[in-house]
Amino acid sequence: HSLKPEDEAVYYCAAGGSETARDVHLRTTE
């Protein structure tokens, strides 16, 4: 919502294995 010109980009989704159900990953390498 409330998109701004600086939001313009190619958006990618990614899947990362996680050891626990509540892990979240922030880095591309994960």
Full PDB file with SEQRES, HELIX, SHEET, SSBOND, CRYST1, ORIGX, SCALE, CONECT and MASTER records, all heavy atoms in Angstrom:
SEQRES   1 A   30  HIS SER LEU LYS PRO GLU ASP GLU ALA VAL TYR TYR CYS          
SEQRES   2 A   30  ALA ALA GLY GLY SER GLU THR ALA ARG ASP VAL HIS LEU          
SEQRES   3 A   30  ARG THR THR GLU                                              
HELIX    1 AA1 PRO A    5  ASP A    7  5                                   3    
CRYST1    1.000    1.000    1.000  90.00  90.00  90.00 P 1           1          
ORIGX1      1.000000  0.000000  0.000000        0.00000                         
ORIGX2      0.000000  1.000000  0.000000        0.00000                         
ORIGX3      0.000000  0.000000  1.000000        0.00000                         
SCALE1      1.000000  0.000000  0.000000        0.00000                         
SCALE2      0.000000  1.000000  0.000000        0.00000                         
SCALE3      0.000000  0.000000  1.000000        0.00000                         
ATOM      1  N   HIS A   1       0.849  -1.195   0.000  1.00  0.00           N  
ATOM      2  CA  HIS A   1       0.000   0.000   0.000  1.00  0.00           C  
ATOM      3  C   HIS A   1       0.883   1.243   0.000  1.00  0.00           C  
ATOM      4  O   HIS A   1       2.070   1.183   0.328  1.00  0.00           O  
ATOM      5  CB  HIS A   1      -0.908   0.016   1.229  1.00  0.00           C  
ATOM      6  CG  HIS A   1      -1.925  -1.063   1.272  1.00  0.00           C  
ATOM      7  ND1 HIS A   1      -2.911  -1.200   0.329  1.00  0.00           N  
ATOM      8  CD2 HIS A   1      -2.110  -2.078   2.157  1.00  0.00           C  
ATOM      9  CE1 HIS A   1      -3.677  -2.233   0.623  1.00  0.00           C  
ATOM     10  NE2 HIS A   1      -3.211  -2.794   1.726  1.00  0.00           N  
ATOM     11  N   SER A   2       0.268   2.367  -0.320  1.00  0.00           N  
ATOM     12  CA  SER A   2       0.963   3.656  -0.276  1.00  0.00           C  
ATOM     13  C   SER A   2       2.291   3.598  -1.003  1.00  0.00           C  
ATOM     14  O   SER A   2       3.327   4.050  -0.498  1.00  0.00           O  
ATOM     15  CB  SER A   2       1.180   4.090   1.184  1.00  0.00           C  
ATOM     16  OG  SER A   2      -0.054   4.153   1.876  1.00  0.00           O  
ATOM     17  N   LEU A   3       2.264   3.044  -2.200  1.00  0.00           N  
ATOM     18  CA  LEU A   3       3.501   2.872  -2.954  1.00  0.00           C  
ATOM     19  C   LEU A   3       4.126   4.204  -3.312  1.00  0.00           C  
ATOM     20  O   LEU A   3       3.431   5.187  -3.619  1.00  0.00           O  
ATOM     21  CB  LEU A   3       3.232   2.034  -4.193  1.00  0.00           C  
ATOM     22  CG  LEU A   3       3.094   0.534  -3.899  1.00  0.00           C  
ATOM     23  CD1 LEU A   3       2.377  -0.186  -5.032  1.00  0.00           C  
ATOM     24  CD2 LEU A   3       4.454  -0.077  -3.658  1.00  0.00           C  
ATOM     25  N   LYS A   4       5.437   4.205  -3.291  1.00  0.00           N  
ATOM     26  CA  LYS A   4       6.222   5.398  -3.584  1.00  0.00           C  
ATOM     27  C   LYS A   4       7.113   5.116  -4.793  1.00  0.00           C  
ATOM     28  O   LYS A   4       7.450   3.959  -5.058  1.00  0.00           O  
ATOM     29  CB  LYS A   4       7.099   5.751  -2.379  1.00  0.00           C  
ATOM     30  CG  LYS A   4       6.346   5.913  -1.078  1.00  0.00           C  
ATOM     31  CD  LYS A   4       7.318   6.128   0.068  1.00  0.00           C  
ATOM     32  CE  LYS A   4       6.582   6.261   1.394  1.00  0.00           C  
ATOM     33  NZ  LYS A   4       7.517   6.464   2.523  1.00  0.00           N  
ATOM     34  N   PRO A   5       7.540   6.152  -5.481  1.00  0.00           N  
ATOM     35  CA  PRO A   5       8.464   5.925  -6.618  1.00  0.00           C  
ATOM     36  C   PRO A   5       9.714   5.142  -6.215  1.00  0.00           C  
ATOM     37  O   PRO A   5      10.227   4.351  -7.019  1.00  0.00           O  
ATOM     38  CB  PRO A   5       8.795   7.351  -7.063  1.00  0.00           C  
ATOM     39  CG  PRO A   5       7.589   8.141  -6.690  1.00  0.00           C  
ATOM     40  CD  PRO A   5       7.114   7.548  -5.392  1.00  0.00           C  
ATOM     41  N   GLU A   6      10.161   5.320  -5.001  1.00  0.00           N  
ATOM     42  CA  GLU A   6      11.359   4.592  -4.560  1.00  0.00           C  
ATOM     43  C   GLU A   6      11.103   3.111  -4.302  1.00  0.00           C  
ATOM     44  O   GLU A   6      12.046   2.352  -4.054  1.00  0.00           O  
ATOM     45  CB  GLU A   6      11.971   5.257  -3.317  1.00  0.00           C  
ATOM     46  CG  GLU A   6      11.000   5.509  -2.190  1.00  0.00           C  
ATOM     47  CD  GLU A   6      10.441   6.924  -2.207  1.00  0.00           C  
ATOM     48  OE1 GLU A   6      10.099   7.443  -3.307  1.00  0.00           O  
ATOM     49  OE2 GLU A   6      10.323   7.512  -1.111  1.00  0.00           O  
ATOM     50  N   ASP A   7       9.847   2.685  -4.341  1.00  0.00           N  
ATOM     51  CA  ASP A   7       9.536   1.267  -4.241  1.00  0.00           C  
ATOM     52  C   ASP A   7       9.691   0.551  -5.585  1.00  0.00           C  
ATOM     53  O   ASP A   7       9.611  -0.678  -5.640  1.00  0.00           O  
ATOM     54  CB  ASP A   7       8.096   1.058  -3.746  1.00  0.00           C  
ATOM     55  CG  ASP A   7       7.895   1.519  -2.322  1.00  0.00           C  
ATOM     56  OD1 ASP A   7       8.774   1.273  -1.484  1.00  0.00           O  
ATOM     57  OD2 ASP A   7       6.844   2.137  -2.055  1.00  0.00           O  
ATOM     58  N   GLU A   8       9.887   1.306  -6.618  1.00  0.00           N  
ATOM     59  CA  GLU A   8      10.013   0.711  -7.951  1.00  0.00           C  
ATOM     60  C   GLU A   8      11.243  -0.178  -8.028  1.00  0.00           C  
ATOM     61  O   GLU A   8      12.353   0.234  -7.693  1.00  0.00           O  
ATOM     62  CB  GLU A   8      10.088   1.812  -9.007  1.00  0.00           C  
ATOM     63  CG  GLU A   8      10.149   1.303 -10.430  1.00  0.00           C  
ATOM     64  CD  GLU A   8       9.934   2.421 -11.440  1.00  0.00           C  
ATOM     65  OE1 GLU A   8       8.942   3.157 -11.323  1.00  0.00           O  
ATOM     66  OE2 GLU A   8      10.768   2.554 -12.353  1.00  0.00           O  
ATOM     67  N   ALA A   9      11.022  -1.416  -8.452  1.00  0.00           N  
ATOM     68  CA  ALA A   9      12.099  -2.404  -8.500  1.00  0.00           C  
ATOM     69  C   ALA A   9      11.540  -3.703  -9.066  1.00  0.00           C  
ATOM     70  O   ALA A   9      10.327  -3.843  -9.272  1.00  0.00           O  
ATOM     71  CB  ALA A   9      12.652  -2.663  -7.097  1.00  0.00           C  
ATOM     72  N   VAL A  10      12.442  -4.628  -9.301  1.00  0.00           N  
ATOM     73  CA  VAL A  10      12.037  -6.006  -9.548  1.00  0.00           C  
ATOM     74  C   VAL A  10      11.942  -6.692  -8.188  1.00  0.00           C  
ATOM     75  O   VAL A  10      12.889  -6.630  -7.400  1.00  0.00           O  
ATOM     76  CB  VAL A  10      13.034  -6.742 -10.453  1.00  0.00           C  
ATOM     77  CG1 VAL A  10      12.611  -8.200 -10.639  1.00  0.00           C  
ATOM     78  CG2 VAL A  10      13.141  -6.049 -11.805  1.00  0.00           C  
ATOM     79  N   TYR A  11      10.809  -7.314  -7.945  1.00  0.00           N  
ATOM     80  CA  TYR A  11      10.571  -7.972  -6.662  1.00  0.00           C  
ATOM     81  C   TYR A  11      10.726  -9.484  -6.833  1.00  0.00           C  
ATOM     82  O   TYR A  11      10.157 -10.078  -7.759  1.00  0.00           O  
ATOM     83  CB  TYR A  11       9.171  -7.637  -6.150  1.00  0.00           C  
ATOM     84  CG  TYR A  11       9.092  -6.260  -5.546  1.00  0.00           C  
ATOM     85  CD1 TYR A  11       9.165  -5.124  -6.353  1.00  0.00           C  
ATOM     86  CD2 TYR A  11       8.976  -6.081  -4.173  1.00  0.00           C  
ATOM     87  CE1 TYR A  11       9.120  -3.853  -5.800  1.00  0.00           C  
ATOM     88  CE2 TYR A  11       8.918  -4.817  -3.611  1.00  0.00           C  
ATOM     89  CZ  TYR A  11       9.001  -3.713  -4.432  1.00  0.00           C  
ATOM     90  OH  TYR A  11       8.956  -2.448  -3.882  1.00  0.00           O  
ATOM     91  N   TYR A  12      11.481 -10.064  -5.915  1.00  0.00           N  
ATOM     92  CA  TYR A  12      11.765 -11.498  -5.946  1.00  0.00           C  
ATOM     93  C   TYR A  12      11.250 -12.160  -4.678  1.00  0.00           C  
ATOM     94  O   TYR A  12      11.408 -11.606  -3.586  1.00  0.00           O  
ATOM     95  CB  TYR A  12      13.269 -11.737  -6.019  1.00  0.00           C  
ATOM     96  CG  TYR A  12      13.948 -11.184  -7.236  1.00  0.00           C  
ATOM     97  CD1 TYR A  12      14.461  -9.890  -7.251  1.00  0.00           C  
ATOM     98  CD2 TYR A  12      14.091 -11.960  -8.395  1.00  0.00           C  
ATOM     99  CE1 TYR A  12      15.095  -9.369  -8.366  1.00  0.00           C  
ATOM    100  CE2 TYR A  12      14.730 -11.453  -9.516  1.00  0.00           C  
ATOM    101  CZ  TYR A  12      15.218 -10.162  -9.491  1.00  0.00           C  
ATOM    102  OH  TYR A  12      15.844  -9.665 -10.608  1.00  0.00           O  
ATOM    103  N   CYS A  13      10.683 -13.333  -4.836  1.00  0.00           N  
ATOM    104  CA  CYS A  13      10.409 -14.117  -3.639  1.00  0.00           C  
ATOM    105  C   CYS A  13      11.472 -15.196  -3.513  1.00  0.00           C  
ATOM    106  O   CYS A  13      12.124 -15.570  -4.498  1.00  0.00           O  
ATOM    107  CB  CYS A  13       9.012 -14.711  -3.638  1.00  0.00           C  
ATOM    108  SG  CYS A  13       8.747 -16.107  -4.731  1.00  0.00           S  
ATOM    109  N   ALA A  14      11.656 -15.668  -2.307  1.00  0.00           N  
ATOM    110  CA  ALA A  14      12.701 -16.634  -2.030  1.00  0.00           C  
ATOM    111  C   ALA A  14      12.260 -17.570  -0.925  1.00  0.00           C  
ATOM    112  O   ALA A  14      11.457 -17.195  -0.067  1.00  0.00           O  
ATOM    113  CB  ALA A  14      13.988 -15.911  -1.631  1.00  0.00           C  
ATOM    114  N   ALA A  15      12.810 -18.773  -0.956  1.00  0.00           N  
ATOM    115  CA  ALA A  15      12.512 -19.792   0.047  1.00  0.00           C  
ATOM    116  C   ALA A  15      13.810 -20.229   0.706  1.00  0.00           C  
ATOM    117  O   ALA A  15      14.796 -20.518   0.024  1.00  0.00           O  
ATOM    118  CB  ALA A  15      11.827 -20.993  -0.607  1.00  0.00           C  
ATOM    119  N   GLY A  16      13.779 -20.263   2.022  1.00  0.00           N  
ATOM    120  CA  GLY A  16      14.966 -20.651   2.764  1.00  0.00           C  
ATOM    121  C   GLY A  16      14.636 -21.682   3.820  1.00  0.00           C  
ATOM    122  O   GLY A  16      13.674 -21.502   4.571  1.00  0.00           O  
ATOM    123  N   GLY A  17      15.424 -22.734   3.856  1.00  0.00           N  
ATOM    124  CA  GLY A  17      15.216 -23.745   4.880  1.00  0.00           C  
ATOM    125  C   GLY A  17      15.426 -23.161   6.266  1.00  0.00           C  
ATOM    126  O   GLY A  17      16.272 -22.290   6.459  1.00  0.00           O  
ATOM    127  N   SER A  18      14.632 -23.602   7.213  1.00  0.00           N  
ATOM    128  CA  SER A  18      14.783 -23.101   8.576  1.00  0.00           C  
ATOM    129  C   SER A  18      14.666 -24.253   9.562  1.00  0.00           C  
ATOM    130  O   SER A  18      13.901 -25.182   9.349  1.00  0.00           O  
ATOM    131  CB  SER A  18      13.730 -22.031   8.871  1.00  0.00           C  
ATOM    132  OG  SER A  18      12.423 -22.531   8.694  1.00  0.00           O  
ATOM    133  N   GLU A  19      15.456 -24.149  10.611  1.00  0.00           N  
ATOM    134  CA  GLU A  19      15.501 -25.230  11.587  1.00  0.00           C  
ATOM    135  C   GLU A  19      14.280 -25.233  12.495  1.00  0.00           C  
ATOM    136  O   GLU A  19      13.846 -26.296  12.956  1.00  0.00           O  
ATOM    137  CB  GLU A  19      16.772 -25.121  12.423  1.00  0.00           C  
ATOM    138  CG  GLU A  19      18.034 -25.363  11.617  1.00  0.00           C  
ATOM    139  CD  GLU A  19      19.267 -25.388  12.500  1.00  0.00           C  
ATOM    140  OE1 GLU A  19      19.131 -25.174  13.712  1.00  0.00           O  
ATOM    141  OE2 GLU A  19      20.368 -25.628  11.962  1.00  0.00           O  
ATOM    142  N   THR A  20      13.760 -24.066  12.752  1.00  0.00           N  
ATOM    143  CA  THR A  20      12.579 -24.005  13.606  1.00  0.00           C  
ATOM    144  C   THR A  20      11.442 -23.334  12.861  1.00  0.00           C  
ATOM    145  O   THR A  20      11.646 -22.601  11.902  1.00  0.00           O  
ATOM    146  CB  THR A  20      12.855 -23.227  14.905  1.00  0.00           C  
ATOM    147  OG1 THR A  20      12.908 -21.834  14.606  1.00  0.00           O  
ATOM    148  CG2 THR A  20      14.158 -23.665  15.540  1.00  0.00           C  
ATOM    149  N   ALA A  21      10.248 -23.565  13.332  1.00  0.00           N  
ATOM    150  CA  ALA A  21       9.060 -23.056  12.649  1.00  0.00           C  
ATOM    151  C   ALA A  21       8.951 -21.540  12.712  1.00  0.00           C  
ATOM    152  O   ALA A  21       8.231 -20.947  11.914  1.00  0.00           O  
ATOM    153  CB  ALA A  21       7.805 -23.689  13.243  1.00  0.00           C  
ATOM    154  N   ARG A  22       9.678 -20.915  13.637  1.00  0.00           N  
ATOM    155  CA  ARG A  22       9.508 -19.487  13.838  1.00  0.00           C  
ATOM    156  C   ARG A  22      10.718 -18.671  13.380  1.00  0.00           C  
ATOM    157  O   ARG A  22      10.804 -17.486  13.637  1.00  0.00           O  
ATOM    158  CB  ARG A  22       9.169 -19.203  15.295  1.00  0.00           C  
ATOM    159  CG  ARG A  22       7.952 -19.993  15.766  1.00  0.00           C  
ATOM    160  CD  ARG A  22       7.446 -19.566  17.128  1.00  0.00           C  
ATOM    161  NE  ARG A  22       6.585 -18.408  17.041  1.00  0.00           N  
ATOM    162  CZ  ARG A  22       6.829 -17.260  17.658  1.00  0.00           C  
ATOM    163  NH1 ARG A  22       7.912 -17.119  18.391  1.00  0.00           N  
ATOM    164  NH2 ARG A  22       5.981 -16.247  17.536  1.00  0.00           N  
ATOM    165  N   ASP A  23      11.657 -19.308  12.694  1.00  0.00           N  
ATOM    166  CA  ASP A  23      12.799 -18.581  12.145  1.00  0.00           C  
ATOM    167  C   ASP A  23      12.354 -17.678  11.002  1.00  0.00           C  
ATOM    168  O   ASP A  23      11.474 -18.048  10.214  1.00  0.00           O  
ATOM    169  CB  ASP A  23      13.831 -19.553  11.578  1.00  0.00           C  
ATOM    170  CG  ASP A  23      14.670 -20.193  12.665  1.00  0.00           C  
ATOM    171  OD1 ASP A  23      14.636 -19.701  13.805  1.00  0.00           O  
ATOM    172  OD2 ASP A  23      15.365 -21.170  12.349  1.00  0.00           O  
ATOM    173  N   VAL A  24      12.969 -16.514  10.909  1.00  0.00           N  
ATOM    174  CA  VAL A  24      12.849 -15.678   9.723  1.00  0.00           C  
ATOM    175  C   VAL A  24      14.259 -15.309   9.272  1.00  0.00           C  
ATOM    176  O   VAL A  24      15.142 -15.107  10.089  1.00  0.00           O  
ATOM    177  CB  VAL A  24      12.010 -14.398   9.960  1.00  0.00           C  
ATOM    178  CG1 VAL A  24      10.547 -14.737  10.108  1.00  0.00           C  
ATOM    179  CG2 VAL A  24      12.512 -13.624  11.154  1.00  0.00           C  
ATOM    180  N   HIS A  25      14.443 -15.227   7.982  1.00  0.00           N  
ATOM    181  CA  HIS A  25      15.753 -14.929   7.409  1.00  0.00           C  
ATOM    182  C   HIS A  25      15.734 -13.542   6.788  1.00  0.00           C  
ATOM    183  O   HIS A  25      14.768 -13.168   6.117  1.00  0.00           O  
ATOM    184  CB  HIS A  25      16.105 -15.950   6.332  1.00  0.00           C  
ATOM    185  CG  HIS A  25      16.122 -17.361   6.817  1.00  0.00           C  
ATOM    186  ND1 HIS A  25      16.568 -17.717   8.062  1.00  0.00           N  
ATOM    187  CD2 HIS A  25      15.751 -18.509   6.199  1.00  0.00           C  
ATOM    188  CE1 HIS A  25      16.460 -19.026   8.198  1.00  0.00           C  
ATOM    189  NE2 HIS A  25      15.971 -19.527   7.098  1.00  0.00           N  
ATOM    190  N   LEU A  26      16.832 -12.829   6.972  1.00  0.00           N  
ATOM    191  CA  LEU A  26      16.913 -11.468   6.463  1.00  0.00           C  
ATOM    192  C   LEU A  26      17.943 -11.298   5.352  1.00  0.00           C  
ATOM    193  O   LEU A  26      17.912 -10.304   4.630  1.00  0.00           O  
ATOM    194  CB  LEU A  26      17.265 -10.509   7.599  1.00  0.00           C  
ATOM    195  CG  LEU A  26      16.403 -10.598   8.868  1.00  0.00           C  
ATOM    196  CD1 LEU A  26      16.801  -9.491   9.838  1.00  0.00           C  
ATOM    197  CD2 LEU A  26      14.931 -10.538   8.547  1.00  0.00           C  
ATOM    198  N   ARG A  27      18.832 -12.231   5.209  1.00  0.00           N  
ATOM    199  CA  ARG A  27      19.935 -12.099   4.256  1.00  0.00           C  
ATOM    200  C   ARG A  27      19.713 -12.982   3.033  1.00  0.00           C  
ATOM    201  O   ARG A  27      19.194 -14.099   3.147  1.00  0.00           O  
ATOM    202  CB  ARG A  27      21.259 -12.460   4.936  1.00  0.00           C  
ATOM    203  CG  ARG A  27      21.658 -11.506   6.058  1.00  0.00           C  
ATOM    204  CD  ARG A  27      23.037 -11.868   6.594  1.00  0.00           C  
ATOM    205  NE  ARG A  27      23.020 -13.145   7.285  1.00  0.00           N  
ATOM    206  CZ  ARG A  27      22.803 -13.269   8.577  1.00  0.00           C  
ATOM    207  NH1 ARG A  27      22.556 -12.195   9.328  1.00  0.00           N  
ATOM    208  NH2 ARG A  27      22.829 -14.451   9.139  1.00  0.00           N  
ATOM    209  N   THR A  28      20.170 -12.504   1.901  1.00  0.00           N  
ATOM    210  CA  THR A  28      20.013 -13.281   0.669  1.00  0.00           C  
ATOM    211  C   THR A  28      20.697 -14.633   0.780  1.00  0.00           C  
ATOM    212  O   THR A  28      20.225 -15.625   0.220  1.00  0.00           O  
ATOM    213  CB  THR A  28      20.587 -12.516  -0.531  1.00  0.00           C  
ATOM    214  OG1 THR A  28      21.966 -12.229  -0.305  1.00  0.00           O  
ATOM    215  CG2 THR A  28      19.848 -11.214  -0.780  1.00  0.00           C  
ATOM    216  N   THR A  29      21.802 -14.685   1.497  1.00  0.00           N  
ATOM    217  CA  THR A  29      22.564 -15.930   1.606  1.00  0.00           C  
ATOM    218  C   THR A  29      21.845 -17.012   2.401  1.00  0.00           C  
ATOM    219  O   THR A  29      22.244 -18.176   2.367  1.00  0.00           O  
ATOM    220  CB  THR A  29      23.935 -15.670   2.241  1.00  0.00           C  
ATOM    221  OG1 THR A  29      23.728 -14.982   3.483  1.00  0.00           O  
ATOM    222  CG2 THR A  29      24.817 -14.836   1.334  1.00  0.00           C  
ATOM    223  N   GLU A  30      20.796 -16.635   3.096  1.00  0.00           N  
ATOM    224  CA  GLU A  30      20.042 -17.608   3.888  1.00  0.00           C  
ATOM    225  C   GLU A  30      18.928 -18.265   3.087  1.00  0.00           C  
ATOM    226  O   GLU A  30      18.220 -19.125   3.605  1.00  0.00           O  
ATOM    227  CB  GLU A  30      19.446 -16.915   5.121  1.00  0.00           C  
ATOM    228  CG  GLU A  30      20.506 -16.416   6.093  1.00  0.00           C  
ATOM    229  CD  GLU A  30      19.903 -15.688   7.274  1.00  0.00           C  
ATOM    230  OE1 GLU A  30      19.308 -14.599   7.057  1.00  0.00           O  
ATOM    231  OE2 GLU A  30      20.006 -16.193   8.400  1.00  0.00           O  
TER     232      GLU A  30                                                      
MASTER        0    0    0    1    0    0    0    6  231    1    0    3          
END                                                                             
